[in-house]
Amino acid sequence: MIRYNSRKPEGAEAARLAEAVGSLLCAARERWGWSRTHLARLAGMSPSSVAAIETGRSRPAWRSLVRLAAALHPDDPVRAAAFAHDLADAAGPSLGSDPSLPPTVVRELFVEVLSRSMVRLGLDLDDDAIRHVVMAEIRGVLGSADGVTDEARLAVGS
């Protein structure tokens, strides 16, 4: 089990977080020409929370990174997910604690993002060959499709 340190980052850790996570987040926010307050509003967070993440004064939680990434990439869930992972990788061992989502929810979200991406790419979800490849990839990523709910299976037509 991973244990998270809940104390506020200090010294070298705070500087590393500001440099690694804060610089990525700040650069993305500034590309849109947004203030911290505007980004916070879009992400459903307080401006002080966004400032604390950008300056390395807090350990960012996964949920916060996902919300910030979704706000910065509102029309592209795949890009938002990739950016959230980039931020989490930058945080490294300083990623704050966050309750985990149940595995079935994670699997359903995975299938939903995959399905939406396929539609945006113009792939036919009713094509048996495409459906076979998609389910094989899902099994490869998730270990098996046993945990994929019937509703999620319907999303990719298997």
C-alpha atoms as a PDB file:
ATOM      1  CA  MET A   1       0.000   0.000   0.000  1.00  0.00           C
ATOM      2  CA  ILE A   2       1.272   3.466  -0.882  1.00  0.00           C
ATOM      3  CA  ARG A   3       1.515   5.867   2.015  1.00  0.00           C
ATOM      4  CA  TYR A   4       1.192   9.546   1.302  1.00  0.00           C
ATOM      5  CA  ASN A   5       2.877  12.204   3.326  1.00  0.00           C
ATOM      6  CA  SER A   6       0.272  14.802   4.242  1.00  0.00           C
ATOM      7  CA  ARG A   7       2.656  17.503   5.468  1.00  0.00           C
ATOM      8  CA  LYS A   8       3.127  20.554   3.292  1.00  0.00           C
ATOM      9  CA  PRO A   9       6.151  20.393   0.997  1.00  0.00           C
ATOM     10  CA  GLU A  10       9.140  22.457   2.083  1.00  0.00           C
ATOM     11  CA  GLY A  11      12.532  23.439   0.744  1.00  0.00           C
ATOM     12  CA  ALA A  12      13.806  21.348  -2.129  1.00  0.00           C
ATOM     13  CA  GLU A  13      10.541  19.433  -2.477  1.00  0.00           C
ATOM     14  CA  ALA A  14       8.501  22.646  -2.785  1.00  0.00           C
ATOM     15  CA  ALA A  15      10.968  24.016  -5.325  1.00  0.00           C
ATOM     16  CA  ARG A  16      10.830  20.780  -7.334  1.00  0.00           C
ATOM     17  CA  LEU A  17       7.021  20.797  -7.328  1.00  0.00           C
ATOM     18  CA  ALA A  18       6.929  24.441  -8.436  1.00  0.00           C
ATOM     19  CA  GLU A  19       9.443  23.731 -11.195  1.00  0.00           C
ATOM     20  CA  ALA A  20       7.956  20.440 -12.372  1.00  0.00           C
ATOM     21  CA  VAL A  21       4.191  20.680 -11.842  1.00  0.00           C
ATOM     22  CA  GLY A  22       3.769  24.409 -11.427  1.00  0.00           C
ATOM     23  CA  SER A  23       5.644  25.327 -14.590  1.00  0.00           C
ATOM     24  CA  LEU A  24       3.608  22.867 -16.708  1.00  0.00           C
ATOM     25  CA  LEU A  25       0.328  24.069 -15.261  1.00  0.00           C
ATOM     26  CA  CYS A  26       1.230  27.745 -15.468  1.00  0.00           C
ATOM     27  CA  ALA A  27       2.421  27.453 -19.085  1.00  0.00           C
ATOM     28  CA  ALA A  28      -0.800  25.703 -20.126  1.00  0.00           C
ATOM     29  CA  ARG A  29      -2.924  28.288 -18.310  1.00  0.00           C
ATOM     30  CA  GLU A  30      -1.003  31.186 -19.851  1.00  0.00           C
ATOM     31  CA  ARG A  31      -1.368  29.718 -23.364  1.00  0.00           C
ATOM     32  CA  TRP A  32      -5.106  30.323 -22.938  1.00  0.00           C
ATOM     33  CA  GLY A  33      -4.451  33.777 -21.466  1.00  0.00           C
ATOM     34  CA  TRP A  34      -6.264  32.809 -18.278  1.00  0.00           C
ATOM     35  CA  SER A  35      -5.773  33.979 -14.723  1.00  0.00           C
ATOM     36  CA  ARG A  36      -5.522  31.513 -11.866  1.00  0.00           C
ATOM     37  CA  THR A  37      -8.985  32.625 -10.807  1.00  0.00           C
ATOM     38  CA  HIS A  38     -10.459  31.820 -14.208  1.00  0.00           C
ATOM     39  CA  LEU A  39      -8.808  28.381 -14.345  1.00  0.00           C
ATOM     40  CA  ALA A  40      -9.929  27.674 -10.783  1.00  0.00           C
ATOM     41  CA  ARG A  41     -13.522  28.552 -11.670  1.00  0.00           C
ATOM     42  CA  LEU A  42     -13.468  26.249 -14.723  1.00  0.00           C
ATOM     43  CA  ALA A  43     -11.922  23.420 -12.694  1.00  0.00           C
ATOM     44  CA  GLY A  44     -14.300  23.848  -9.748  1.00  0.00           C
ATOM     45  CA  MET A  45     -11.451  24.711  -7.390  1.00  0.00           C
ATOM     46  CA  SER A  46     -10.444  27.710  -5.318  1.00  0.00           C
ATOM     47  CA  PRO A  47      -7.912  30.171  -6.759  1.00  0.00           C
ATOM     48  CA  SER A  48      -5.733  29.602  -3.691  1.00  0.00           C
ATOM     49  CA  SER A  49      -5.602  25.855  -4.471  1.00  0.00           C
ATOM     50  CA  VAL A  50      -4.457  26.538  -8.022  1.00  0.00           C
ATOM     51  CA  ALA A  51      -1.857  29.012  -6.714  1.00  0.00           C
ATOM     52  CA  ALA A  52      -0.619  26.497  -4.143  1.00  0.00           C
ATOM     53  CA  ILE A  53      -0.142  23.837  -6.836  1.00  0.00           C
ATOM     54  CA  GLU A  54       1.603  26.258  -9.212  1.00  0.00           C
ATOM     55  CA  THR A  55       3.982  27.513  -6.508  1.00  0.00           C
ATOM     56  CA  GLY A  56       4.738  24.139  -4.916  1.00  0.00           C
ATOM     57  CA  ARG A  57       3.065  25.001  -1.608  1.00  0.00           C
ATOM     58  CA  SER A  58       0.852  21.898  -1.697  1.00  0.00           C
ATOM     59  CA  ARG A  59       1.027  18.327  -2.870  1.00  0.00           C
ATOM     60  CA  PRO A  60      -1.433  18.058  -5.752  1.00  0.00           C
ATOM     61  CA  ALA A  61      -4.032  15.299  -5.523  1.00  0.00           C
ATOM     62  CA  TRP A  62      -4.800  13.208  -8.598  1.00  0.00           C
ATOM     63  CA  ARG A  63      -8.395  14.447  -8.617  1.00  0.00           C
ATOM     64  CA  SER A  64      -7.203  18.068  -8.688  1.00  0.00           C
ATOM     65  CA  LEU A  65      -4.842  17.375 -11.567  1.00  0.00           C
ATOM     66  CA  VAL A  66      -7.645  15.710 -13.540  1.00  0.00           C
ATOM     67  CA  ARG A  67      -9.963  18.667 -12.941  1.00  0.00           C
ATOM     68  CA  LEU A  68      -7.297  21.168 -13.990  1.00  0.00           C
ATOM     69  CA  ALA A  69      -6.386  19.168 -17.103  1.00  0.00           C
ATOM     70  CA  ALA A  70     -10.054  18.829 -18.100  1.00  0.00           C
ATOM     71  CA  ALA A  71     -10.516  22.594 -17.734  1.00  0.00           C
ATOM     72  CA  LEU A  72      -7.444  23.249 -19.889  1.00  0.00           C
ATOM     73  CA  HIS A  73      -8.512  20.761 -22.595  1.00  0.00           C
ATOM     74  CA  PRO A  74     -12.328  20.938 -22.527  1.00  0.00           C
ATOM     75  CA  ASP A  75     -12.897  19.571 -26.032  1.00  0.00           C
ATOM     76  CA  ASP A  76     -10.336  16.783 -25.975  1.00  0.00           C
ATOM     77  CA  PRO A  77     -10.703  14.192 -23.193  1.00  0.00           C
ATOM     78  CA  VAL A  78      -7.758  12.165 -24.471  1.00  0.00           C
ATOM     79  CA  ARG A  79      -5.461  15.183 -24.383  1.00  0.00           C
ATOM     80  CA  ALA A  80      -6.833  16.140 -20.951  1.00  0.00           C
ATOM     81  CA  ALA A  81      -6.087  12.654 -19.615  1.00  0.00           C
ATOM     82  CA  ALA A  82      -2.578  12.739 -21.070  1.00  0.00           C
ATOM     83  CA  PHE A  83      -1.937  16.159 -19.518  1.00  0.00           C
ATOM     84  CA  ALA A  84      -3.212  14.955 -16.120  1.00  0.00           C
ATOM     85  CA  HIS A  85      -0.765  12.050 -16.336  1.00  0.00           C
ATOM     86  CA  ASP A  86       2.056  14.432 -17.308  1.00  0.00           C
ATOM     87  CA  LEU A  87       1.279  16.539 -14.229  1.00  0.00           C
ATOM     88  CA  ALA A  88       1.131  13.435 -11.999  1.00  0.00           C
ATOM     89  CA  ASP A  89       4.446  12.178 -13.408  1.00  0.00           C
ATOM     90  CA  ALA A  90       5.964  15.589 -12.709  1.00  0.00           C
ATOM     91  CA  ALA A  91       4.681  15.449  -9.116  1.00  0.00           C
ATOM     92  CA  GLY A  92       6.258  12.022  -8.696  1.00  0.00           C
ATOM     93  CA  PRO A  93       6.435  10.870  -5.085  1.00  0.00           C
ATOM     94  CA  SER A  94       4.890  14.160  -3.964  1.00  0.00           C
ATOM     95  CA  LEU A  95       1.498  13.330  -5.470  1.00  0.00           C
ATOM     96  CA  GLY A  96      -0.970  13.916  -2.654  1.00  0.00           C
ATOM     97  CA  SER A  97      -3.356  11.348  -1.322  1.00  0.00           C
ATOM     98  CA  ASP A  98      -6.621  10.921  -3.103  1.00  0.00           C
ATOM     99  CA  PRO A  99      -9.280   8.301  -2.636  1.00  0.00           C
ATOM    100  CA  SER A 100      -9.236   5.817  -5.483  1.00  0.00           C
ATOM    101  CA  LEU A 101     -12.124   5.252  -7.806  1.00  0.00           C
ATOM    102  CA  PRO A 102     -13.633   1.771  -7.760  1.00  0.00           C
ATOM    103  CA  PRO A 103     -12.085  -0.437 -10.491  1.00  0.00           C
ATOM    104  CA  THR A 104     -15.410  -0.814 -12.299  1.00  0.00           C
ATOM    105  CA  VAL A 105     -15.715   2.974 -12.601  1.00  0.00           C
ATOM    106  CA  VAL A 106     -12.157   3.248 -13.913  1.00  0.00           C
ATOM    107  CA  ARG A 107     -12.869   0.533 -16.480  1.00  0.00           C
ATOM    108  CA  GLU A 108     -16.088   2.177 -17.620  1.00  0.00           C
ATOM    109  CA  LEU A 109     -14.343   5.544 -17.947  1.00  0.00           C
ATOM    110  CA  PHE A 110     -11.565   3.904 -19.940  1.00  0.00           C
ATOM    111  CA  VAL A 111     -14.045   2.285 -22.319  1.00  0.00           C
ATOM    112  CA  GLU A 112     -16.012   5.531 -22.652  1.00  0.00           C
ATOM    113  CA  VAL A 113     -12.899   7.565 -23.549  1.00  0.00           C
ATOM    114  CA  LEU A 114     -11.824   4.880 -25.998  1.00  0.00           C
ATOM    115  CA  SER A 115     -15.263   4.767 -27.621  1.00  0.00           C
ATOM    116  CA  ARG A 116     -15.476   8.534 -27.957  1.00  0.00           C
ATOM    117  CA  SER A 117     -11.995   8.656 -29.426  1.00  0.00           C
ATOM    118  CA  MET A 118     -12.899   6.001 -31.983  1.00  0.00           C
ATOM    119  CA  VAL A 119     -16.003   7.930 -33.038  1.00  0.00           C
ATOM    120  CA  ARG A 120     -13.954  11.137 -33.374  1.00  0.00           C
ATOM    121  CA  LEU A 121     -11.483   9.223 -35.559  1.00  0.00           C
ATOM    122  CA  GLY A 122     -14.347   8.047 -37.770  1.00  0.00           C
ATOM    123  CA  LEU A 123     -14.031   4.375 -36.846  1.00  0.00           C
ATOM    124  CA  ASP A 124     -17.153   2.244 -37.125  1.00  0.00           C
ATOM    125  CA  LEU A 125     -17.989   0.721 -33.737  1.00  0.00           C
ATOM    126  CA  ASP A 126     -20.226  -1.841 -35.492  1.00  0.00           C
ATOM    127  CA  ASP A 127     -17.293  -3.262 -37.481  1.00  0.00           C
ATOM    128  CA  ASP A 128     -16.441  -6.721 -36.069  1.00  0.00           C
ATOM    129  CA  ALA A 129     -12.716  -6.393 -36.803  1.00  0.00           C
ATOM    130  CA  ILE A 130     -12.500  -3.021 -35.034  1.00  0.00           C
ATOM    131  CA  ARG A 131     -14.543  -4.314 -32.088  1.00  0.00           C
ATOM    132  CA  HIS A 132     -12.214  -7.342 -31.788  1.00  0.00           C
ATOM    133  CA  VAL A 133      -9.105  -5.118 -31.757  1.00  0.00           C
ATOM    134  CA  VAL A 134     -10.663  -2.728 -29.221  1.00  0.00           C
ATOM    135  CA  MET A 135     -11.652  -5.524 -26.815  1.00  0.00           C
ATOM    136  CA  ALA A 136      -8.193  -7.091 -27.169  1.00  0.00           C
ATOM    137  CA  GLU A 137      -6.622  -3.723 -26.276  1.00  0.00           C
ATOM    138  CA  ILE A 138      -8.964  -3.296 -23.330  1.00  0.00           C
ATOM    139  CA  ARG A 139      -8.030  -6.762 -22.071  1.00  0.00           C
ATOM    140  CA  GLY A 140      -4.357  -5.898 -22.559  1.00  0.00           C
ATOM    141  CA  VAL A 141      -4.628  -2.687 -20.542  1.00  0.00           C
ATOM    142  CA  LEU A 142      -7.011  -3.910 -17.871  1.00  0.00           C
ATOM    143  CA  GLY A 143      -5.725  -7.469 -17.558  1.00  0.00           C
ATOM    144  CA  SER A 144      -9.074  -8.983 -18.527  1.00  0.00           C
ATOM    145  CA  ALA A 145     -12.507  -7.871 -19.556  1.00  0.00           C
ATOM    146  CA  ASP A 146     -14.119  -9.618 -16.572  1.00  0.00           C
ATOM    147  CA  GLY A 147     -14.446  -6.335 -14.699  1.00  0.00           C
ATOM    148  CA  VAL A 148     -15.922  -4.486 -17.676  1.00  0.00           C
ATOM    149  CA  THR A 149     -19.628  -4.068 -17.043  1.00  0.00           C
ATOM    150  CA  ASP A 150     -22.332  -4.973 -19.539  1.00  0.00           C
ATOM    151  CA  GLU A 151     -22.987  -1.261 -20.077  1.00  0.00           C
ATOM    152  CA  ALA A 152     -19.339  -0.676 -20.969  1.00  0.00           C
ATOM    153  CA  ARG A 153     -19.347  -3.706 -23.280  1.00  0.00           C
ATOM    154  CA  LEU A 154     -22.344  -2.236 -25.090  1.00  0.00           C
ATOM    155  CA  ALA A 155     -20.402   0.990 -25.624  1.00  0.00           C
ATOM    156  CA  VAL A 156     -17.956  -0.908 -27.840  1.00  0.00           C
ATOM    157  CA  GLY A 157     -20.522  -3.388 -29.063  1.00  0.00           C
ATOM    158  CA  SER A 158     -19.112  -6.625 -27.684  1.00  0.00           C
END
